[in-house]
Amino acid sequence: GSGNSVLRANFDSFDQCENQSVMCCWGRDRQSGDENGTCERGAGNCDDENPSDNTNLCYAKDFTPYPRNAEEAIHCHGFAWGDDENDPISQLKMNVYFYVAMHDHMYSRGYVERITDDTAFMCGCVEDMPVVTRSDCSQVRAKFNLRLIRDESNDHRLSVVPDDMTGAIGGVVSDLDVLEVTFAACRGLRPDGDTGNLVMRNNDLAAHARQLNLEDKLSDDKLEKIFETLAGHSTLIGNNGPQVEEVCRQSYCDNAPVIAPNTYDCSV
């Protein structure tokens, strides 16, 4: 219904996201003509159409299991940032959030509605979201056009100023419109399924988190917490097949306090 089409998040500030990452997941496509999801132009009512399927739901936060693709098609997309607040990926994380949650998915694709009934939000800190196999990912790219100048009236000090500044008086820049921001699929690294060696894997939140960790921008403990939500973090998997079911089964059996009958087989 329309009540589930309102974007809700489970945090008031990014400071609440202890593991420096956010993920949004949607269960419905309500916009036609964008070549995303199953809502097609002229199809009429799209209340129950599906988004493009890019992940599998393993279980909800209350440990309700979803084996054998019981959730049907869902779509998850997230982002992460570094622990240095002066890093552009940290400074501009709100810009990435708006791009992911509002522009790229709700506005451009018509993706809406939460994926499980035990949560009231579509976006949340990764540690508070349902456990899924994987998630797409975006990152910000910031370009600064700067140059150094020597101020002869102030002990020949060097100052950083915009490369295309239109005017400066007494060393004070009067035009700061020099920041170019673009959004792109995030870059990352994941273990190769055959050799175990790290290989490039773009548009993957777990792989991006691993790269931030290798760059000393995300701690080992925070990386492991992100991996708890992204069950397929160490394998190159698609959205179907026994490998997908196995990573969900393993995560559920390792973490569920009570095993629900007739769902995942935890006896093996």
Protein backbone atom coordinates (compact mmCIF):
# COMPACT_ATOMS: atom_id res chain seq x y z
CA GLY A 1 0.00 0.00 0.00
CA SER A 2 0.92 3.66 -0.16
CA GLY A 3 1.97 3.64 3.50
CA ASN A 4 4.79 1.27 2.65
CA SER A 5 5.94 3.54 -0.19
CA VAL A 6 7.20 6.24 2.19
CA LEU A 7 10.97 6.09 2.60
CA ARG A 8 11.81 5.35 6.21
CA ALA A 9 15.23 4.84 7.77
CA ASN A 10 16.10 3.44 11.19
CA PHE A 11 18.65 6.11 12.09
CA ASP A 12 18.57 9.83 12.83
CA SER A 13 22.29 10.32 12.28
CA PHE A 14 25.07 8.37 10.60
CA ASP A 15 26.78 8.37 13.99
CA GLN A 16 24.32 5.63 14.94
CA CYS A 17 25.77 3.36 12.25
CA GLU A 18 28.54 1.74 14.26
CA ASN A 19 30.01 -0.07 11.26
CA GLN A 20 30.23 2.87 8.84
CA SER A 21 27.76 1.49 6.33
CA VAL A 22 24.12 1.77 5.25
CA MET A 23 21.99 -0.56 3.16
CA CYS A 24 18.57 -0.06 1.57
CA CYS A 25 16.37 -2.95 0.42
CA TRP A 26 13.15 -2.76 -1.59
CA GLY A 27 10.43 -5.29 -2.30
CA ARG A 28 8.25 -3.57 -4.90
CA ASP A 29 8.58 -1.78 -8.25
CA ARG A 30 5.90 0.85 -8.84
CA GLN A 31 7.24 2.71 -11.87
CA SER A 32 6.98 1.68 -15.51
CA GLY A 33 9.03 2.70 -18.52
CA ASP A 34 12.46 2.65 -16.86
CA GLU A 35 13.56 -0.89 -17.85
CA ASN A 36 14.04 -1.81 -14.19
CA GLY A 37 11.85 -4.35 -12.43
CA THR A 38 8.63 -5.95 -13.67
CA CYS A 39 6.33 -2.92 -13.67
CA GLU A 40 5.81 -2.41 -17.41
CA ARG A 41 4.32 0.52 -19.27
CA GLY A 42 0.61 0.06 -19.84
CA ALA A 43 0.40 -2.79 -17.33
CA GLY A 44 -2.05 -0.91 -15.13
CA ASN A 45 -1.80 -1.45 -11.38
CA CYS A 46 1.80 -2.05 -10.30
CA ASP A 47 1.17 -2.44 -6.56
CA ASP A 48 2.65 -5.94 -6.48
CA GLU A 49 5.34 -5.82 -9.16
CA ASN A 50 8.91 -6.80 -8.34
CA PRO A 51 12.19 -4.88 -8.51
CA SER A 52 15.23 -6.22 -10.33
CA ASP A 53 16.38 -9.23 -8.29
CA ASN A 54 20.00 -8.73 -7.16
CA THR A 55 20.13 -10.64 -3.87
CA ASN A 56 18.47 -13.28 -1.71
CA LEU A 57 16.93 -12.79 1.71
CA CYS A 58 18.28 -15.36 4.18
CA TYR A 59 16.34 -14.37 7.30
CA ALA A 60 14.78 -11.36 9.02
CA LYS A 61 16.09 -9.64 12.13
CA ASP A 62 13.69 -11.73 14.23
CA PHE A 63 15.25 -14.85 12.59
CA THR A 64 12.21 -15.63 10.45
CA PRO A 65 13.87 -17.74 7.71
CA TYR A 66 13.30 -17.33 3.97
CA PRO A 67 14.71 -20.52 2.40
CA ARG A 68 14.47 -21.44 -1.26
CA ASN A 69 13.84 -17.87 -2.46
CA ALA A 70 10.65 -17.60 -0.41
CA GLU A 71 10.83 -13.80 -0.49
CA GLU A 72 10.61 -13.62 -4.32
CA ALA A 73 12.51 -10.76 -5.98
CA ILE A 74 14.13 -8.08 -3.82
CA HIS A 75 16.78 -5.45 -4.46
CA CYS A 76 19.46 -4.19 -2.03
CA HIS A 77 21.92 -1.32 -2.48
CA GLY A 78 24.26 0.27 0.03
CA PHE A 79 27.38 2.30 0.67
CA ALA A 80 30.18 2.62 3.22
CA TRP A 81 32.59 5.29 4.38
CA GLY A 82 35.96 5.64 6.12
CA ASP A 83 36.70 6.34 9.77
CA ASP A 84 38.46 9.62 8.90
CA GLU A 85 35.80 12.33 8.87
CA ASN A 86 38.00 14.45 6.57
CA ASP A 87 37.97 11.77 3.86
CA PRO A 88 35.65 12.80 0.98
CA ILE A 89 33.79 9.47 1.23
CA SER A 90 32.98 10.40 4.83
CA GLN A 91 32.29 14.07 4.27
CA LEU A 92 29.88 13.32 1.43
CA LYS A 93 28.08 10.26 2.81
CA MET A 94 24.78 12.13 3.08
CA ASN A 95 25.05 12.94 -0.63
CA VAL A 96 25.53 9.24 -1.40
CA TYR A 97 22.58 8.34 0.82
CA PHE A 98 20.29 10.75 -1.03
CA TYR A 99 21.53 9.44 -4.37
CA VAL A 100 21.02 5.76 -3.45
CA ALA A 101 17.77 5.99 -1.50
CA MET A 102 15.93 8.75 -3.32
CA HIS A 103 17.33 9.49 -6.78
CA ASP A 104 18.71 6.22 -8.15
CA HIS A 105 16.06 3.87 -6.77
CA MET A 106 12.86 5.55 -5.63
CA TYR A 107 12.80 8.36 -8.24
CA SER A 108 14.56 6.73 -11.21
CA ARG A 109 13.32 3.14 -10.78
CA GLY A 110 10.20 3.40 -8.59
CA TYR A 111 11.51 0.96 -5.97
CA VAL A 112 9.56 1.08 -2.70
CA GLU A 113 8.43 -0.97 0.31
CA ARG A 114 10.39 -2.81 2.99
CA ILE A 115 11.27 -6.47 2.45
CA THR A 116 10.25 -7.97 5.82
CA ASP A 117 7.36 -7.29 8.17
CA ASP A 118 9.53 -7.09 11.30
CA THR A 119 11.11 -3.82 10.19
CA ALA A 120 9.46 -0.46 9.51
CA PHE A 121 12.19 0.88 7.27
CA MET A 122 13.68 0.41 3.83
CA CYS A 123 17.11 1.82 4.73
CA GLY A 124 19.19 1.25 7.82
CA CYS A 125 22.61 0.79 9.31
CA VAL A 126 23.90 -2.46 7.86
CA GLU A 127 24.03 -4.16 11.25
CA ASP A 128 20.28 -3.49 11.72
CA MET A 129 19.13 -4.83 8.35
CA PRO A 130 17.89 -8.36 7.50
CA VAL A 131 20.57 -10.87 6.49
CA VAL A 132 20.93 -11.14 2.70
CA THR A 133 23.44 -12.80 0.40
CA ARG A 134 24.78 -9.58 -1.15
CA SER A 135 24.11 -5.94 -2.00
CA ASP A 136 24.94 -3.56 -4.82
CA CYS A 137 26.98 -0.53 -3.80
CA SER A 138 27.72 3.06 -4.80
CA GLN A 139 30.55 5.40 -3.91
CA VAL A 140 31.19 9.09 -4.36
CA ARG A 141 33.97 10.49 -6.50
CA ALA A 142 35.02 14.01 -5.57
CA LYS A 143 37.29 16.18 -7.67
CA PHE A 144 38.96 19.27 -6.24
CA ASN A 145 40.61 21.75 -8.61
CA LEU A 146 43.24 23.44 -6.43
CA ARG A 147 46.56 25.25 -6.84
CA LEU A 148 49.21 26.74 -4.58
CA ILE A 149 49.93 30.47 -4.48
CA ARG A 150 52.57 32.45 -2.62
CA ASP A 151 51.32 35.43 -0.64
CA GLU A 152 54.18 37.98 -0.73
CA SER A 153 52.35 40.26 1.72
CA ASN A 154 52.22 37.56 4.40
CA ASP A 155 55.76 36.21 4.83
CA HIS A 156 55.58 34.40 1.49
CA ARG A 157 53.23 31.76 2.89
CA LEU A 158 51.84 29.13 0.55
CA SER A 159 48.07 28.88 0.36
CA VAL A 160 45.79 26.36 -1.34
CA VAL A 161 43.16 28.07 -3.46
CA PRO A 162 40.68 26.91 -6.10
CA ASP A 163 42.30 26.46 -9.47
CA ASP A 164 39.41 28.25 -11.18
CA MET A 165 38.77 30.91 -8.54
CA THR A 166 37.26 34.11 -9.86
CA GLY A 167 38.63 36.39 -7.21
CA ALA A 168 40.46 36.60 -3.91
CA ILE A 169 40.99 39.54 -1.59
CA GLY A 170 43.68 39.43 1.07
CA GLY A 171 44.02 35.70 0.69
CA VAL A 172 40.32 35.08 1.24
CA VAL A 173 38.76 33.15 -1.63
CA SER A 174 35.52 34.68 -2.82
CA ASP A 175 34.39 31.77 -5.03
CA LEU A 176 34.49 28.21 -3.66
CA ASP A 177 32.49 26.49 -6.40
CA VAL A 178 35.29 24.03 -7.20
CA LEU A 179 33.99 20.67 -5.96
CA GLU A 180 32.82 18.20 -8.59
CA VAL A 181 30.86 15.23 -7.21
CA THR A 182 29.83 12.17 -9.19
CA PHE A 183 28.44 8.79 -8.16
CA ALA A 184 29.57 5.42 -9.48
CA ALA A 185 29.46 1.72 -8.73
CA CYS A 186 31.79 1.11 -5.80
CA ARG A 187 35.10 -0.64 -6.25
CA GLY A 188 36.13 -3.59 -4.14
CA LEU A 189 37.88 -6.93 -3.74
CA ARG A 190 36.52 -10.43 -3.12
CA PRO A 191 38.16 -13.86 -2.85
CA ASP A 192 38.25 -15.82 -6.10
CA GLY A 193 36.11 -18.95 -5.85
CA ASP A 194 38.87 -21.23 -7.18
CA THR A 195 42.13 -19.81 -5.83
CA GLY A 196 41.03 -17.73 -2.87
CA ASN A 197 43.09 -14.82 -4.19
CA LEU A 198 41.52 -11.38 -4.00
CA VAL A 199 40.08 -10.24 -7.32
CA MET A 200 38.37 -7.02 -8.32
CA ARG A 201 34.62 -7.02 -7.73
CA ASN A 202 32.76 -3.79 -8.39
CA ASN A 203 29.21 -2.88 -7.40
CA ASP A 204 29.37 -5.13 -4.34
CA LEU A 205 29.05 -3.77 -0.79
CA ALA A 206 30.97 -6.59 0.91
CA ALA A 207 33.83 -6.26 -1.57
CA HIS A 208 33.91 -2.48 -1.08
CA ALA A 209 34.00 -2.87 2.71
CA ARG A 210 36.91 -5.29 2.36
CA GLN A 211 38.81 -2.76 0.24
CA LEU A 212 38.20 -0.01 2.83
CA ASN A 213 39.54 -2.40 5.46
CA LEU A 214 42.70 -3.10 3.42
CA GLU A 215 43.16 0.67 3.08
CA ASP A 216 42.95 1.03 6.90
CA LYS A 217 39.71 3.00 6.63
CA LEU A 218 37.52 0.37 8.28
CA SER A 219 38.51 -1.78 11.26
CA ASP A 220 38.57 -5.60 11.26
CA ASP A 221 35.76 -5.73 13.83
CA LYS A 222 33.50 -3.47 11.75
CA LEU A 223 34.22 -5.48 8.61
CA GLU A 224 33.16 -8.68 10.37
CA LYS A 225 29.93 -7.04 11.53
CA ILE A 226 29.15 -6.02 7.94
CA PHE A 227 29.85 -9.58 6.81
CA GLU A 228 27.30 -10.87 9.32
CA THR A 229 24.58 -9.08 7.32
CA LEU A 230 26.04 -9.98 3.89
CA ALA A 231 26.17 -13.76 4.14
CA GLY A 232 27.77 -14.32 0.73
CA HIS A 233 30.71 -12.00 1.42
CA SER A 234 33.46 -14.57 0.76
CA THR A 235 32.11 -16.17 -2.40
CA LEU A 236 31.36 -15.03 -5.91
CA ILE A 237 27.69 -15.95 -6.15
CA GLY A 238 24.68 -14.94 -8.18
CA ASN A 239 21.07 -14.92 -7.00
CA ASN A 240 20.18 -18.58 -7.55
CA GLY A 241 21.53 -22.07 -7.13
CA PRO A 242 22.71 -24.32 -4.30
CA GLN A 243 25.63 -22.04 -3.36
CA VAL A 244 23.23 -19.22 -2.50
CA GLU A 245 21.06 -21.51 -0.40
CA GLU A 246 24.11 -22.86 1.40
CA VAL A 247 25.47 -19.49 2.57
CA CYS A 248 22.01 -18.61 3.90
CA ARG A 249 21.67 -21.99 5.62
CA GLN A 250 25.08 -21.69 7.24
CA SER A 251 24.44 -18.18 8.53
CA TYR A 252 21.01 -19.08 9.87
CA CYS A 253 22.15 -22.26 11.58
CA ASP A 254 25.12 -20.47 13.17
CA ASN A 255 23.07 -17.56 14.55
CA ALA A 256 19.40 -18.46 15.06
CA PRO A 257 18.60 -19.10 18.76
CA VAL A 258 15.81 -21.51 17.79
CA ILE A 259 15.74 -23.40 14.50
CA ALA A 260 12.37 -23.12 12.75
CA PRO A 261 11.10 -26.48 11.45
CA ASN A 262 10.82 -27.24 7.74
CA THR A 263 13.16 -24.41 6.73
CA TYR A 264 16.95 -24.69 6.65
CA ASP A 265 18.46 -28.08 7.43
CA CYS A 266 20.81 -27.45 10.34
CA SER A 267 21.53 -31.12 10.98
CA VAL A 268 24.37 -31.25 8.46
